[in-house]
C-alpha atoms as a PDB file:
ATOM      1  CA  MET A   1     -18.814  -6.166   4.207  1.00  0.00           C
ATOM      2  CA  ILE A   2     -15.719  -4.164   5.455  1.00  0.00           C
ATOM      3  CA  GLU A   3     -13.168  -6.319   7.455  1.00  0.00           C
ATOM      4  CA  LEU A   4     -10.439  -4.315   9.195  1.00  0.00           C
ATOM      5  CA  LYS A   5      -7.516  -6.014  10.976  1.00  0.00           C
ATOM      6  CA  THR A   6      -4.213  -4.672  12.411  1.00  0.00           C
ATOM      7  CA  LEU A   7      -1.155  -5.675  10.732  1.00  0.00           C
ATOM      8  CA  GLU A   8       2.390  -5.408  12.476  1.00  0.00           C
ATOM      9  CA  ILE A   9       5.477  -5.247  10.485  1.00  0.00           C
ATOM     10  CA  GLU A  10       8.838  -4.951  12.438  1.00  0.00           C
ATOM     11  CA  THR A  11       7.852  -2.033  14.680  1.00  0.00           C
ATOM     12  CA  PHE A  12       5.254  -0.383  12.549  1.00  0.00           C
ATOM     13  CA  ARG A  13       1.421  -0.624  12.805  1.00  0.00           C
ATOM     14  CA  PHE A  14      -0.821  -0.904   9.592  1.00  0.00           C
ATOM     15  CA  ILE A  15      -4.764  -1.430   8.999  1.00  0.00           C
ATOM     16  CA  ASP A  16      -5.491  -4.193   6.525  1.00  0.00           C
ATOM     17  CA  ILE A  17      -8.527  -3.175   5.059  1.00  0.00           C
ATOM     18  CA  THR A  18     -10.807  -5.629   2.864  1.00  0.00           C
ATOM     19  CA  LEU A  19     -14.054  -4.409   1.276  1.00  0.00           C
ATOM     20  CA  PHE A  20     -16.144  -7.217  -0.003  1.00  0.00           C
ATOM     21  CA  LEU A  21     -18.390  -6.153  -2.614  1.00  0.00           C
ATOM     22  CA  PRO A  22     -21.157  -8.115  -4.476  1.00  0.00           C
ATOM     23  CA  ARG A  23     -18.778  -8.887  -7.646  1.00  0.00           C
ATOM     24  CA  TRP A  24     -15.125  -8.213  -6.174  1.00  0.00           C
ATOM     25  CA  THR A  25     -13.099  -7.835  -3.550  1.00  0.00           C
ATOM     26  CA  CYS A  26     -10.941  -4.671  -2.799  1.00  0.00           C
ATOM     27  CA  ARG A  27      -7.952  -4.617  -0.535  1.00  0.00           C
ATOM     28  CA  MET A  28      -5.610  -2.015   0.833  1.00  0.00           C
ATOM     29  CA  ILE A  29      -2.753  -1.891   3.679  1.00  0.00           C
ATOM     30  CA  VAL A  30      -2.399   1.589   4.967  1.00  0.00           C
ATOM     31  CA  SER A  31      -0.610   3.618   7.479  1.00  0.00           C
ATOM     32  CA  THR A  32      -0.558   7.342   8.211  1.00  0.00           C
ATOM     33  CA  LYS A  33       2.101   7.571   5.883  1.00  0.00           C
ATOM     34  CA  ALA A  34       1.336   5.227   2.866  1.00  0.00           C
ATOM     35  CA  ALA A  35      -1.058   3.075   1.179  1.00  0.00           C
ATOM     36  CA  LEU A  36      -0.391  -0.324  -0.595  1.00  0.00           C
ATOM     37  CA  VAL A  37      -3.343  -1.105  -2.679  1.00  0.00           C
ATOM     38  CA  ASP A  38      -4.515  -3.698  -4.971  1.00  0.00           C
ATOM     39  CA  GLU A  39      -5.519  -3.569  -8.797  1.00  0.00           C
ATOM     40  CA  SER A  40      -9.104  -2.442  -7.642  1.00  0.00           C
ATOM     41  CA  TRP A  41      -7.912   1.152  -6.871  1.00  0.00           C
ATOM     42  CA  ASP A  42      -7.367   3.971  -9.291  1.00  0.00           C
ATOM     43  CA  LEU A  43      -4.041   5.337  -8.462  1.00  0.00           C
ATOM     44  CA  SER A  44      -4.887   8.718 -10.299  1.00  0.00           C
ATOM     45  CA  VAL A  45      -7.252   9.612  -7.283  1.00  0.00           C
ATOM     46  CA  LEU A  46      -4.840   9.045  -4.899  1.00  0.00           C
ATOM     47  CA  GLU A  47      -2.179  10.903  -7.138  1.00  0.00           C
ATOM     48  CA  THR A  48      -4.579  13.992  -6.672  1.00  0.00           C
ATOM     49  CA  LYS A  49      -4.291  13.679  -2.941  1.00  0.00           C
ATOM     50  CA  GLN A  50      -0.585  13.580  -2.895  1.00  0.00           C
ATOM     51  CA  ILE A  51      -0.488  10.102  -1.095  1.00  0.00           C
ATOM     52  CA  ALA A  52       2.492   7.652  -1.032  1.00  0.00           C
ATOM     53  CA  ALA A  53       0.550   4.876  -2.690  1.00  0.00           C
ATOM     54  CA  PHE A  54       1.615   1.694  -4.607  1.00  0.00           C
ATOM     55  CA  GLN A  55      -0.058  -1.121  -6.411  1.00  0.00           C
ATOM     56  CA  VAL A  56       0.406  -4.899  -6.690  1.00  0.00           C
ATOM     57  CA  MET A  57      -1.476  -6.825  -8.931  1.00  0.00           C
ATOM     58  CA  LYS A  58      -1.844  -9.956  -6.598  1.00  0.00           C
ATOM     59  CA  PRO A  59      -4.939 -10.720  -4.301  1.00  0.00           C
ATOM     60  CA  GLY A  60      -4.743 -11.237  -0.772  1.00  0.00           C
ATOM     61  CA  LYS A  61      -2.979  -9.917   2.048  1.00  0.00           C
ATOM     62  CA  GLU A  62       0.217 -12.037   1.517  1.00  0.00           C
ATOM     63  CA  GLY A  63      -0.167 -11.136  -2.370  1.00  0.00           C
ATOM     64  CA  LEU A  64       0.056  -7.291  -1.534  1.00  0.00           C
ATOM     65  CA  LEU A  65       3.019  -7.708   0.720  1.00  0.00           C
ATOM     66  CA  ASN A  66       5.137 -10.229  -1.499  1.00  0.00           C
ATOM     67  CA  GLY A  67       4.053  -9.274  -4.848  1.00  0.00           C
ATOM     68  CA  LYS A  68       5.846  -6.739  -6.943  1.00  0.00           C
ATOM     69  CA  ILE A  69       4.785  -3.133  -7.313  1.00  0.00           C
ATOM     70  CA  THR A  70       3.494  -2.604 -11.013  1.00  0.00           C
ATOM     71  CA  ALA A  71       2.531   0.980 -10.361  1.00  0.00           C
ATOM     72  CA  MET A  72       2.770   4.101  -8.016  1.00  0.00           C
ATOM     73  CA  THR A  73       1.915   7.701  -7.315  1.00  0.00           C
ATOM     74  CA  SER A  74       4.592  10.465  -8.018  1.00  0.00           C
ATOM     75  CA  THR A  75       4.780  11.067  -4.122  1.00  0.00           C
ATOM     76  CA  ALA A  76       5.888   7.294  -3.589  1.00  0.00           C
ATOM     77  CA  ALA A  77       8.436   7.602  -6.278  1.00  0.00           C
ATOM     78  CA  ARG A  78       9.837  10.836  -4.668  1.00  0.00           C
ATOM     79  CA  LEU A  79      10.268   8.667  -1.570  1.00  0.00           C
ATOM     80  CA  GLY A  80      12.446   5.867  -3.351  1.00  0.00           C
ATOM     81  CA  ILE A  81       9.694   3.469  -4.402  1.00  0.00           C
ATOM     82  CA  TYR A  82      10.467   1.686  -7.584  1.00  0.00           C
ATOM     83  CA  ILE A  83       8.612  -0.657 -10.039  1.00  0.00           C
ATOM     84  CA  GLY A  84       9.452  -4.428  -8.938  1.00  0.00           C
ATOM     85  CA  MET A  85      10.069  -3.590  -5.330  1.00  0.00           C
ATOM     86  CA  SER A  86       7.920  -5.813  -2.925  1.00  0.00           C
ATOM     87  CA  GLY A  87       4.790  -4.371  -1.288  1.00  0.00           C
ATOM     88  CA  LYS A  88       6.021  -5.033   2.391  1.00  0.00           C
ATOM     89  CA  GLU A  89       9.708  -3.464   1.252  1.00  0.00           C
ATOM     90  CA  ALA A  90       7.830  -0.295  -0.014  1.00  0.00           C
ATOM     91  CA  LEU A  91       5.657   0.026   3.041  1.00  0.00           C
ATOM     92  CA  LEU A  92       8.687  -0.232   5.235  1.00  0.00           C
ATOM     93  CA  LYS A  93      10.860   2.102   3.113  1.00  0.00           C
ATOM     94  CA  VAL A  94       8.296   4.888   3.382  1.00  0.00           C
ATOM     95  CA  MET A  95       7.877   4.397   7.232  1.00  0.00           C
ATOM     96  CA  HIS A  96      11.553   4.336   7.833  1.00  0.00           C
ATOM     97  CA  GLU A  97      11.947   7.381   5.728  1.00  0.00           C
ATOM     98  CA  LYS A  98       9.403   9.316   7.315  1.00  0.00           C
ATOM     99  CA  THR A  99      10.670   8.356  10.650  1.00  0.00           C
ATOM    100  CA  GLU A 100      14.103   9.423   9.882  1.00  0.00           C
ATOM    101  CA  THR A 101      13.405  12.786   8.316  1.00  0.00           C
ATOM    102  CA  GLY A 102      10.738  13.690  10.754  1.00  0.00           C
END
């Protein structure tokens, strides 16, 4: 089963996607500019697509938003995302960065 929900943080809207698979659950919070993913996702695939993606190892929506980033793509790093930043802080940084620069 797939669950899609709208998530609003400050003035930005995201899509909270949860995939309920037989043996585990995968979750990501995405926008047109970035992806915050749980440990289920392979960042190397997102790296090849040049997506600003960052990974948190805590389950659930609150875990993703409040947990600390443990890995990211080089695209995310170029935007100023770093290990230890919260997922929410990283999403907002990317959204503000892209808004300010175009």
